[in-house]
Amino acid sequence: MSQIPWWGLPLIALLFALLGAAAAMLVTARDELVRSRRKRTKRWYEERKDAYVGLLSVFERDTYRLRAAYDAGGKPTPALAYVDEVGPALMRVRLLASGPVRSAALAVHVLLQKLHGEMNPAAVPGVQPQIHFRELLTQVPLVMQQFEAAVRDELGIDTEAPAKAPSHNGRTRFLRKPPPLDDLADIGQDLSRDR
């Protein structure tokens, strides 16, 4: 006869069933965690992108109105009307953005707010108000470029097209540019010029 007690085989089967169920629960929990993390990351990206695009469009509309009023010889809209329009979009960016993006957005906002004041916002002595207004107006696109660059940097938006791989069977594939391994990846790029 066998040395195994009558309850040993069912106990071992129960133990393996419990281990299998625990492993299945762990795998399911891990998949849920990965899925929820991916969903949060996508929502994070989309919320910020929507906020940044909304604020950029408000800035563009306002710059166009200021330019049109200047060209027509009229006065810009009052500062309070500008603040009412930009307020909700700017608050979303202030709540969601990182420090550099927030600072760049506020720089554009402050410049536009100055332009909505009197025709001579800074009261520069010896400078005609119209010339000063025009100079400030030409600075808006430059400051907006800094805001756009900060947004691209935060969201990881690459302005260059992906590299093309050799075509196989008439199809063109795009390759992703591999990320640098460390901060020293670009060292030596100018060596060909020194030779």
Protein backbone atom coordinates (compact mmCIF):
# COMPACT_ATOMS: atom_id res chain seq x y z
CA MET A 1 0.00 0.00 0.00
CA SER A 2 0.89 3.62 -0.49
CA GLN A 3 2.35 5.83 2.25
CA ILE A 4 0.28 8.90 1.18
CA PRO A 5 -2.65 9.66 3.48
CA TRP A 6 -6.12 9.78 1.91
CA TRP A 7 -6.36 13.58 2.32
CA GLY A 8 -2.93 14.35 0.81
CA LEU A 9 -3.90 14.26 -2.87
CA PRO A 10 -6.96 16.54 -2.48
CA LEU A 11 -4.87 18.92 -0.34
CA ILE A 12 -2.18 19.17 -3.00
CA ALA A 13 -4.81 19.72 -5.71
CA LEU A 14 -6.44 22.43 -3.59
CA LEU A 15 -3.06 24.08 -2.98
CA PHE A 16 -2.26 24.18 -6.70
CA ALA A 17 -5.75 25.50 -7.48
CA LEU A 18 -5.26 28.31 -4.94
CA LEU A 19 -1.82 29.13 -6.36
CA GLY A 20 -3.27 29.23 -9.89
CA ALA A 21 -6.11 31.50 -8.79
CA ALA A 22 -3.66 33.80 -6.97
CA ALA A 23 -1.42 33.96 -10.05
CA ALA A 24 -4.41 34.77 -12.26
CA MET A 25 -5.50 37.53 -9.85
CA LEU A 26 -1.98 39.01 -9.82
CA VAL A 27 -1.78 39.03 -13.62
CA THR A 28 -5.25 40.59 -13.87
CA ALA A 29 -4.37 43.25 -11.27
CA ARG A 30 -1.13 44.05 -13.10
CA ASP A 31 -2.98 44.38 -16.42
CA GLU A 32 -5.55 46.69 -14.80
CA LEU A 33 -2.77 48.80 -13.30
CA VAL A 34 -1.00 49.12 -16.64
CA ARG A 35 -4.29 49.93 -18.40
CA SER A 36 -5.28 52.59 -15.86
CA ARG A 37 -1.79 54.12 -15.97
CA ARG A 38 -1.95 54.28 -19.75
CA LYS A 39 -5.42 55.86 -19.57
CA ARG A 40 -4.24 58.46 -17.04
CA THR A 41 -1.20 59.28 -19.17
CA LYS A 42 -3.37 59.71 -22.27
CA ARG A 43 -5.86 61.87 -20.35
CA TRP A 44 -2.96 63.94 -18.92
CA TYR A 45 -1.61 64.54 -22.41
CA GLU A 46 -5.01 65.35 -23.92
CA GLU A 47 -6.02 67.73 -21.11
CA ARG A 48 -2.82 69.70 -21.42
CA LYS A 49 -2.88 69.74 -25.20
CA ASP A 50 -6.48 71.02 -25.21
CA ALA A 51 -5.66 73.69 -22.63
CA TYR A 52 -2.57 74.86 -24.54
CA VAL A 53 -4.33 74.94 -27.91
CA GLY A 54 -7.25 76.85 -26.38
CA LEU A 55 -4.96 79.47 -24.89
CA LEU A 56 -2.91 79.79 -28.08
CA SER A 57 -6.05 80.36 -30.11
CA VAL A 58 -7.22 83.09 -27.68
CA PHE A 59 -3.81 84.74 -27.95
CA GLU A 60 -3.90 84.54 -31.77
CA ARG A 61 -7.42 86.01 -31.98
CA ASP A 62 -6.49 88.84 -29.67
CA THR A 63 -3.27 89.61 -31.54
CA TYR A 64 -5.23 89.74 -34.79
CA ARG A 65 -7.78 92.12 -33.26
CA LEU A 66 -5.02 94.37 -31.91
CA ARG A 67 -3.28 94.45 -35.29
CA ALA A 68 -6.55 95.17 -37.10
CA ALA A 69 -7.42 97.98 -34.66
CA TYR A 70 -3.94 99.47 -35.05
CA ASP A 71 -4.09 99.29 -38.86
CA ALA A 72 -7.55 100.87 -38.86
CA GLY A 73 -6.35 103.65 -36.58
CA GLY A 74 -8.73 102.66 -33.80
CA LYS A 75 -8.20 101.85 -30.17
CA PRO A 76 -7.76 98.32 -28.87
CA THR A 77 -10.57 96.69 -26.93
CA PRO A 78 -10.57 97.46 -23.21
CA ALA A 79 -8.35 95.40 -20.95
CA LEU A 80 -11.33 94.04 -19.03
CA ALA A 81 -12.83 92.54 -22.22
CA TYR A 82 -9.48 90.89 -22.94
CA VAL A 83 -9.24 89.47 -19.41
CA ASP A 84 -12.81 88.13 -19.64
CA GLU A 85 -11.94 86.31 -22.86
CA VAL A 86 -8.53 84.94 -21.86
CA GLY A 87 -9.36 84.21 -18.20
CA PRO A 88 -10.82 80.68 -18.47
CA ALA A 89 -8.17 79.45 -20.92
CA LEU A 90 -5.35 80.97 -18.89
CA MET A 91 -6.63 79.45 -15.64
CA ARG A 92 -6.68 75.97 -17.18
CA VAL A 93 -3.06 76.40 -18.28
CA ARG A 94 -2.03 77.78 -14.89
CA LEU A 95 -3.56 74.75 -13.18
CA LEU A 96 -2.25 72.08 -15.54
CA ALA A 97 1.08 73.35 -16.86
CA SER A 98 4.60 72.90 -15.63
CA GLY A 99 6.66 75.88 -14.50
CA PRO A 100 8.28 76.78 -17.84
CA VAL A 101 4.99 76.57 -19.75
CA ARG A 102 3.16 78.57 -17.10
CA SER A 103 5.86 81.27 -17.16
CA ALA A 104 5.84 81.48 -20.95
CA ALA A 105 2.03 81.72 -21.04
CA LEU A 106 2.04 84.46 -18.43
CA ALA A 107 4.70 86.37 -20.39
CA VAL A 108 2.43 86.43 -23.45
CA HIS A 109 -0.54 87.39 -21.27
CA VAL A 110 1.29 90.30 -19.61
CA LEU A 111 2.43 91.64 -22.98
CA LEU A 112 -1.09 91.48 -24.42
CA GLN A 113 -2.50 93.05 -21.29
CA LYS A 114 -0.09 95.97 -21.72
CA LEU A 115 -1.27 96.40 -25.29
CA HIS A 116 -4.90 96.61 -24.14
CA GLY A 117 -4.08 99.49 -21.83
CA GLU A 118 -3.53 103.00 -23.04
CA MET A 119 -1.83 103.57 -26.37
CA ASN A 120 1.43 104.23 -24.50
CA PRO A 121 1.50 101.25 -22.10
CA ALA A 122 4.94 101.79 -20.63
CA ALA A 123 4.89 105.62 -20.81
CA VAL A 124 8.37 105.71 -22.29
CA PRO A 125 9.54 109.34 -22.36
CA GLY A 126 10.56 110.62 -25.76
CA VAL A 127 8.87 107.81 -27.70
CA GLN A 128 5.73 108.33 -29.70
CA PRO A 129 2.86 106.19 -28.39
CA GLN A 130 2.07 104.69 -31.82
CA ILE A 131 5.68 103.59 -32.36
CA HIS A 132 5.87 102.06 -28.89
CA PHE A 133 2.55 100.25 -29.44
CA ARG A 134 3.74 98.88 -32.80
CA GLU A 135 7.04 97.70 -31.27
CA LEU A 136 5.21 95.87 -28.47
CA LEU A 137 2.82 94.36 -31.00
CA THR A 138 5.71 92.97 -33.03
CA GLN A 139 7.10 91.32 -29.88
CA VAL A 140 3.95 89.22 -29.36
CA PRO A 141 4.80 86.53 -31.95
CA LEU A 142 8.31 86.20 -30.51
CA VAL A 143 7.02 85.69 -26.99
CA MET A 144 4.40 83.27 -28.31
CA GLN A 145 7.17 81.24 -29.96
CA GLN A 146 8.74 80.79 -26.54
CA PHE A 147 5.39 79.60 -25.20
CA GLU A 148 5.01 77.16 -28.11
CA ALA A 149 8.55 75.85 -27.58
CA ALA A 150 7.85 75.25 -23.87
CA VAL A 151 4.65 73.38 -24.79
CA ARG A 152 6.47 71.23 -27.33
CA ASP A 153 9.13 70.44 -24.78
CA GLU A 154 6.63 69.48 -22.08
CA LEU A 155 4.46 67.35 -24.34
CA GLY A 156 7.39 65.79 -26.19
CA ILE A 157 6.21 67.01 -29.58
CA ASP A 158 8.90 66.49 -32.19
CA THR A 159 8.84 68.95 -35.09
CA GLU A 160 10.96 66.76 -37.35
CA ALA A 161 9.45 64.00 -39.46
CA PRO A 162 10.49 60.46 -38.55
CA ALA A 163 13.39 59.01 -40.52
CA LYS A 164 12.45 56.87 -43.51
CA ALA A 165 13.60 53.29 -43.60
CA PRO A 166 14.57 51.55 -46.80
CA SER A 167 11.48 50.45 -48.68
CA HIS A 168 10.64 46.79 -48.99
CA ASN A 169 8.12 45.65 -51.57
CA GLY A 170 7.32 49.24 -52.53
CA ARG A 171 6.35 50.32 -49.00
CA THR A 172 8.04 53.05 -47.03
CA ARG A 173 8.45 52.52 -43.32
CA PHE A 174 9.20 55.22 -40.79
CA LEU A 175 11.68 54.60 -38.02
CA ARG A 176 11.60 56.28 -34.66
CA LYS A 177 14.65 58.19 -33.63
CA PRO A 178 16.13 56.33 -30.67
CA PRO A 179 16.33 58.38 -27.48
CA PRO A 180 19.83 59.38 -26.35
CA LEU A 181 21.33 57.02 -23.81
CA ASP A 182 22.58 59.83 -21.62
CA ASP A 183 23.28 63.55 -21.61
CA LEU A 184 26.55 63.04 -23.46
CA ALA A 185 24.98 61.55 -26.62
CA ASP A 186 25.58 64.67 -28.73
CA ILE A 187 29.26 65.09 -27.85
CA GLY A 188 31.49 64.83 -30.87
CA GLN A 189 28.93 65.90 -33.44
CA ASP A 190 31.14 68.76 -34.60
CA LEU A 191 34.30 66.70 -35.00
CA SER A 192 33.99 66.59 -38.80
CA ARG A 193 34.33 70.37 -38.93
CA ASP A 194 37.58 70.35 -36.94
CA ARG A 195 39.37 67.93 -39.28
